[in-house]
Amino acid sequence: MNELEKVYSITLADGTILDDLKLNGNNYVSQKEIKEEAFQDNLYSVTISDGEKEEIHTNMELVQLMEYEGAYWFILRDIPPETLDRMQLQADIAYLAMMTGVKL
């Protein structure tokens, strides 16, 4: 089966399955409606399958979701470790400021 014929499914952290997806470049394309809310706080564990192999991703983010010509196109990407480290550092600083009464 060539790449254009493959059908993908994506399982989000809460078990939601987005299926019957085609891949166009780095866009997944669905003929079914997909809402942004499906991805909110739901990308810390994502399984992507093409029917032959599965990839498990942690800490992904939704880059784009749009409706185009009756289909829903979306892009997911892995959050780089450096970004995760920066986010953790910012959260730690905010927590320490809150606990000590310091305004940032």
N, C-alpha and C. Protein backbone atom coordinates (compact mmCIF):
# COMPACT_ATOMS: atom_id res chain seq x y z
N MET A 1 0.86 -1.18 0.00
CA MET A 1 0.00 0.00 0.00
C MET A 1 0.90 1.23 0.00
N ASN A 2 0.63 2.18 -0.89
CA ASN A 2 1.45 3.39 -0.91
C ASN A 2 0.97 4.39 0.12
N GLU A 3 1.79 5.39 0.36
CA GLU A 3 1.52 6.38 1.41
C GLU A 3 0.19 7.10 1.22
N LEU A 4 -0.21 7.36 0.00
CA LEU A 4 -1.45 8.10 -0.24
C LEU A 4 -2.69 7.28 0.05
N GLU A 5 -2.57 5.96 0.05
CA GLU A 5 -3.71 5.09 0.29
C GLU A 5 -3.87 4.71 1.75
N LYS A 6 -2.86 4.96 2.56
CA LYS A 6 -2.92 4.57 3.97
C LYS A 6 -4.03 5.33 4.69
N VAL A 7 -4.65 4.63 5.62
CA VAL A 7 -5.67 5.22 6.46
C VAL A 7 -5.13 5.19 7.89
N TYR A 8 -5.17 6.32 8.54
CA TYR A 8 -4.60 6.48 9.88
C TYR A 8 -5.70 6.58 10.93
N SER A 9 -5.34 6.22 12.14
CA SER A 9 -6.19 6.50 13.30
C SER A 9 -5.29 7.09 14.38
N ILE A 10 -5.88 7.99 15.13
CA ILE A 10 -5.17 8.64 16.23
C ILE A 10 -6.00 8.46 17.49
N THR A 11 -5.36 7.90 18.51
CA THR A 11 -6.02 7.73 19.80
C THR A 11 -5.44 8.75 20.77
N LEU A 12 -6.31 9.59 21.32
CA LEU A 12 -5.90 10.64 22.25
C LEU A 12 -5.84 10.08 23.67
N ALA A 13 -5.32 10.87 24.58
CA ALA A 13 -5.08 10.42 25.95
C ALA A 13 -6.33 9.89 26.64
N ASP A 14 -7.48 10.49 26.38
CA ASP A 14 -8.71 10.05 27.05
C ASP A 14 -9.38 8.87 26.35
N GLY A 15 -8.74 8.34 25.30
CA GLY A 15 -9.30 7.19 24.58
C GLY A 15 -10.09 7.57 23.35
N THR A 16 -10.30 8.86 23.11
CA THR A 16 -10.99 9.31 21.90
C THR A 16 -10.21 8.84 20.68
N ILE A 17 -10.92 8.26 19.73
CA ILE A 17 -10.27 7.77 18.51
C ILE A 17 -10.74 8.61 17.32
N LEU A 18 -9.77 9.17 16.63
CA LEU A 18 -10.03 9.86 15.38
C LEU A 18 -9.60 8.89 14.30
N ASP A 19 -10.57 8.42 13.50
CA ASP A 19 -10.22 7.39 12.52
C ASP A 19 -10.57 7.82 11.11
N ASP A 20 -10.24 6.94 10.17
CA ASP A 20 -10.46 7.21 8.74
C ASP A 20 -9.75 8.48 8.30
N LEU A 21 -8.52 8.67 8.77
CA LEU A 21 -7.74 9.86 8.44
C LEU A 21 -6.80 9.57 7.28
N LYS A 22 -6.65 10.54 6.42
CA LYS A 22 -5.63 10.50 5.36
C LYS A 22 -4.53 11.47 5.77
N LEU A 23 -3.34 11.23 5.28
CA LEU A 23 -2.21 12.11 5.57
C LEU A 23 -1.85 12.85 4.29
N ASN A 24 -1.84 14.17 4.37
CA ASN A 24 -1.47 15.02 3.24
C ASN A 24 -0.35 15.94 3.74
N GLY A 25 0.88 15.62 3.39
CA GLY A 25 2.02 16.36 3.95
C GLY A 25 2.11 16.06 5.43
N ASN A 26 1.99 17.09 6.26
CA ASN A 26 1.96 16.87 7.71
C ASN A 26 0.56 17.12 8.28
N ASN A 27 -0.43 17.19 7.40
CA ASN A 27 -1.83 17.38 7.79
C ASN A 27 -2.57 16.05 7.80
N TYR A 28 -3.29 15.80 8.87
CA TYR A 28 -4.24 14.70 8.87
C TYR A 28 -5.56 15.27 8.39
N VAL A 29 -6.25 14.52 7.55
CA VAL A 29 -7.48 15.01 6.93
C VAL A 29 -8.61 14.05 7.26
N SER A 30 -9.69 14.62 7.80
CA SER A 30 -10.85 13.83 8.19
C SER A 30 -12.09 14.34 7.46
N GLN A 31 -12.90 13.44 7.01
CA GLN A 31 -14.18 13.82 6.41
C GLN A 31 -15.23 14.05 7.50
N LYS A 32 -14.93 13.59 8.73
CA LYS A 32 -15.82 13.79 9.87
C LYS A 32 -15.44 15.07 10.58
N GLU A 33 -16.42 15.74 11.17
CA GLU A 33 -16.14 16.98 11.91
C GLU A 33 -15.27 16.69 13.12
N ILE A 34 -14.27 17.53 13.30
CA ILE A 34 -13.40 17.47 14.47
C ILE A 34 -13.37 18.86 15.09
N LYS A 35 -13.58 18.91 16.39
CA LYS A 35 -13.57 20.19 17.09
C LYS A 35 -12.30 20.33 17.90
N GLU A 36 -11.86 21.55 18.06
CA GLU A 36 -10.62 21.84 18.81
C GLU A 36 -10.69 21.31 20.24
N GLU A 37 -11.88 21.31 20.82
CA GLU A 37 -12.04 20.85 22.20
C GLU A 37 -11.58 19.40 22.38
N ALA A 38 -11.64 18.61 21.33
CA ALA A 38 -11.22 17.20 21.43
C ALA A 38 -9.74 17.09 21.81
N PHE A 39 -8.95 18.10 21.46
CA PHE A 39 -7.52 18.06 21.70
C PHE A 39 -7.10 18.71 23.02
N GLN A 40 -7.95 19.54 23.60
CA GLN A 40 -7.58 20.29 24.80
C GLN A 40 -7.26 19.36 25.97
N ASP A 41 -6.07 19.53 26.54
CA ASP A 41 -5.60 18.72 27.67
C ASP A 41 -5.68 17.21 27.37
N ASN A 42 -5.49 16.86 26.10
CA ASN A 42 -5.70 15.48 25.69
C ASN A 42 -4.57 14.97 24.80
N LEU A 43 -3.43 15.69 24.82
CA LEU A 43 -2.34 15.33 23.93
C LEU A 43 -1.08 14.90 24.67
N TYR A 44 -1.20 14.58 25.95
CA TYR A 44 -0.02 14.14 26.70
C TYR A 44 0.34 12.69 26.36
N SER A 45 -0.58 11.96 25.75
CA SER A 45 -0.30 10.62 25.24
C SER A 45 -1.13 10.43 23.99
N VAL A 46 -0.47 10.23 22.86
CA VAL A 46 -1.14 10.11 21.57
C VAL A 46 -0.57 8.90 20.84
N THR A 47 -1.45 8.04 20.36
CA THR A 47 -1.03 6.88 19.58
C THR A 47 -1.49 7.08 18.14
N ILE A 48 -0.56 7.02 17.22
CA ILE A 48 -0.85 7.17 15.80
C ILE A 48 -0.59 5.83 15.12
N SER A 49 -1.60 5.35 14.39
CA SER A 49 -1.49 4.05 13.73
C SER A 49 -1.85 4.19 12.26
N ASP A 50 -1.09 3.48 11.42
CA ASP A 50 -1.43 3.43 10.00
C ASP A 50 -1.96 2.05 9.61
N GLY A 51 -2.33 1.26 10.61
CA GLY A 51 -2.82 -0.09 10.37
C GLY A 51 -1.72 -1.13 10.36
N GLU A 52 -0.49 -0.70 10.18
CA GLU A 52 0.65 -1.62 10.18
C GLU A 52 1.57 -1.38 11.37
N LYS A 53 1.74 -0.13 11.74
CA LYS A 53 2.60 0.18 12.88
C LYS A 53 1.96 1.28 13.71
N GLU A 54 2.35 1.30 14.98
CA GLU A 54 1.86 2.31 15.92
C GLU A 54 3.03 3.11 16.45
N GLU A 55 2.81 4.40 16.59
CA GLU A 55 3.78 5.29 17.23
C GLU A 55 3.10 5.92 18.42
N ILE A 56 3.77 5.87 19.56
CA ILE A 56 3.24 6.52 20.76
C ILE A 56 4.04 7.79 20.99
N HIS A 57 3.32 8.89 21.12
CA HIS A 57 3.93 10.20 21.34
C HIS A 57 3.47 10.72 22.69
N THR A 58 4.36 11.43 23.36
CA THR A 58 3.97 12.10 24.60
C THR A 58 4.18 13.60 24.40
N ASN A 59 3.32 14.35 25.02
CA ASN A 59 3.42 15.81 25.01
C ASN A 59 3.41 16.39 23.60
N MET A 60 2.29 16.22 22.93
CA MET A 60 2.10 16.82 21.61
C MET A 60 1.28 18.09 21.77
N GLU A 61 1.23 18.86 20.68
CA GLU A 61 0.37 20.04 20.67
C GLU A 61 -0.31 20.14 19.32
N LEU A 62 -1.48 20.76 19.34
CA LEU A 62 -2.23 21.02 18.12
C LEU A 62 -1.68 22.29 17.51
N VAL A 63 -1.15 22.18 16.31
CA VAL A 63 -0.59 23.34 15.61
C VAL A 63 -1.69 24.08 14.86
N GLN A 64 -2.58 23.32 14.24
CA GLN A 64 -3.61 23.93 13.40
C GLN A 64 -4.77 22.97 13.24
N LEU A 65 -5.96 23.53 13.19
CA LEU A 65 -7.17 22.78 12.85
C LEU A 65 -8.03 23.70 12.02
N MET A 66 -8.37 23.27 10.80
CA MET A 66 -9.20 24.12 9.96
C MET A 66 -10.11 23.26 9.10
N GLU A 67 -11.22 23.86 8.72
CA GLU A 67 -12.13 23.21 7.78
C GLU A 67 -11.82 23.76 6.40
N TYR A 68 -11.65 22.87 5.44
CA TYR A 68 -11.33 23.29 4.08
C TYR A 68 -12.02 22.34 3.10
N GLU A 69 -12.85 22.89 2.26
CA GLU A 69 -13.57 22.13 1.24
C GLU A 69 -14.29 20.92 1.82
N GLY A 70 -14.96 21.12 2.94
CA GLY A 70 -15.77 20.08 3.55
C GLY A 70 -15.02 19.04 4.36
N ALA A 71 -13.72 19.20 4.50
CA ALA A 71 -12.92 18.27 5.29
C ALA A 71 -12.25 19.04 6.42
N TYR A 72 -11.80 18.30 7.43
CA TYR A 72 -11.14 18.90 8.59
C TYR A 72 -9.67 18.51 8.55
N TRP A 73 -8.82 19.51 8.49
CA TRP A 73 -7.37 19.33 8.38
C TRP A 73 -6.74 19.74 9.70
N PHE A 74 -5.85 18.89 10.23
CA PHE A 74 -5.17 19.28 11.47
C PHE A 74 -3.73 18.79 11.47
N ILE A 75 -2.92 19.50 12.25
CA ILE A 75 -1.51 19.18 12.40
C ILE A 75 -1.20 19.03 13.88
N LEU A 76 -0.54 17.94 14.22
CA LEU A 76 -0.03 17.73 15.57
C LEU A 76 1.49 17.70 15.50
N ARG A 77 2.13 18.16 16.57
CA ARG A 77 3.59 18.05 16.62
C ARG A 77 4.02 17.74 18.04
N ASP A 78 5.18 17.09 18.12
CA ASP A 78 5.77 16.83 19.43
C ASP A 78 6.33 18.13 19.99
N ILE A 79 6.11 18.37 21.28
CA ILE A 79 6.69 19.54 21.93
C ILE A 79 8.15 19.21 22.23
N PRO A 80 9.08 20.05 21.77
CA PRO A 80 10.51 19.77 22.02
C PRO A 80 10.83 19.75 23.52
N PRO A 81 11.79 18.92 23.93
CA PRO A 81 12.17 18.83 25.35
C PRO A 81 12.56 20.18 25.94
N GLU A 82 13.22 21.03 25.16
CA GLU A 82 13.63 22.35 25.67
C GLU A 82 12.41 23.19 26.04
N THR A 83 11.37 23.09 25.25
CA THR A 83 10.14 23.83 25.54
C THR A 83 9.49 23.29 26.80
N LEU A 84 9.46 21.97 26.95
CA LEU A 84 8.90 21.38 28.17
C LEU A 84 9.68 21.82 29.41
N ASP A 85 11.00 21.84 29.29
CA ASP A 85 11.84 22.30 30.41
C ASP A 85 11.52 23.74 30.78
N ARG A 86 11.38 24.59 29.77
CA ARG A 86 11.07 26.00 30.01
C ARG A 86 9.69 26.15 30.67
N MET A 87 8.73 25.37 30.21
CA MET A 87 7.39 25.43 30.79
C MET A 87 7.42 25.01 32.26
N GLN A 88 8.19 23.97 32.57
CA GLN A 88 8.31 23.50 33.95
C GLN A 88 8.98 24.56 34.82
N LEU A 89 10.02 25.17 34.32
CA LEU A 89 10.72 26.22 35.07
C LEU A 89 9.79 27.40 35.36
N GLN A 90 9.01 27.80 34.36
CA GLN A 90 8.08 28.90 34.56
C GLN A 90 7.02 28.54 35.60
N ALA A 91 6.54 27.31 35.56
CA ALA A 91 5.55 26.86 36.54
C ALA A 91 6.14 26.84 37.94
N ASP A 92 7.39 26.39 38.05
CA ASP A 92 8.06 26.36 39.36
C ASP A 92 8.24 27.77 39.92
N ILE A 93 8.64 28.71 39.08
CA ILE A 93 8.82 30.10 39.51
C ILE A 93 7.49 30.69 39.96
N ALA A 94 6.45 30.45 39.20
CA ALA A 94 5.13 30.98 39.56
C ALA A 94 4.66 30.39 40.88
N TYR A 95 4.91 29.10 41.09
CA TYR A 95 4.52 28.45 42.34
C TYR A 95 5.28 29.05 43.52
N LEU A 96 6.59 29.19 43.37
CA LEU A 96 7.39 29.78 44.45
C LEU A 96 6.96 31.21 44.76
N ALA A 97 6.67 31.97 43.73
CA ALA A 97 6.21 33.35 43.94
C ALA A 97 4.89 33.36 44.70
N MET A 98 3.98 32.47 44.34
CA MET A 98 2.68 32.39 45.01
C MET A 98 2.88 32.02 46.48
N MET A 99 3.73 31.03 46.73
CA MET A 99 3.93 30.55 48.10
C MET A 99 4.63 31.58 48.99
N THR A 100 5.43 32.44 48.41
CA THR A 100 6.16 33.43 49.21
C THR A 100 5.51 34.81 49.16
N GLY A 101 4.42 34.93 48.39
CA GLY A 101 3.72 36.21 48.30
C GLY A 101 4.41 37.25 47.42
N VAL A 102 5.33 36.83 46.61
CA VAL A 102 6.03 37.73 45.69
C VAL A 102 5.20 37.89 44.43
N LYS A 103 5.04 39.13 44.01
CA LYS A 103 4.31 39.39 42.76
C LYS A 103 5.30 39.43 41.60
N LEU A 104 4.97 38.71 40.56
CA LEU A 104 5.82 38.67 39.37
C LEU A 104 5.37 39.71 38.37
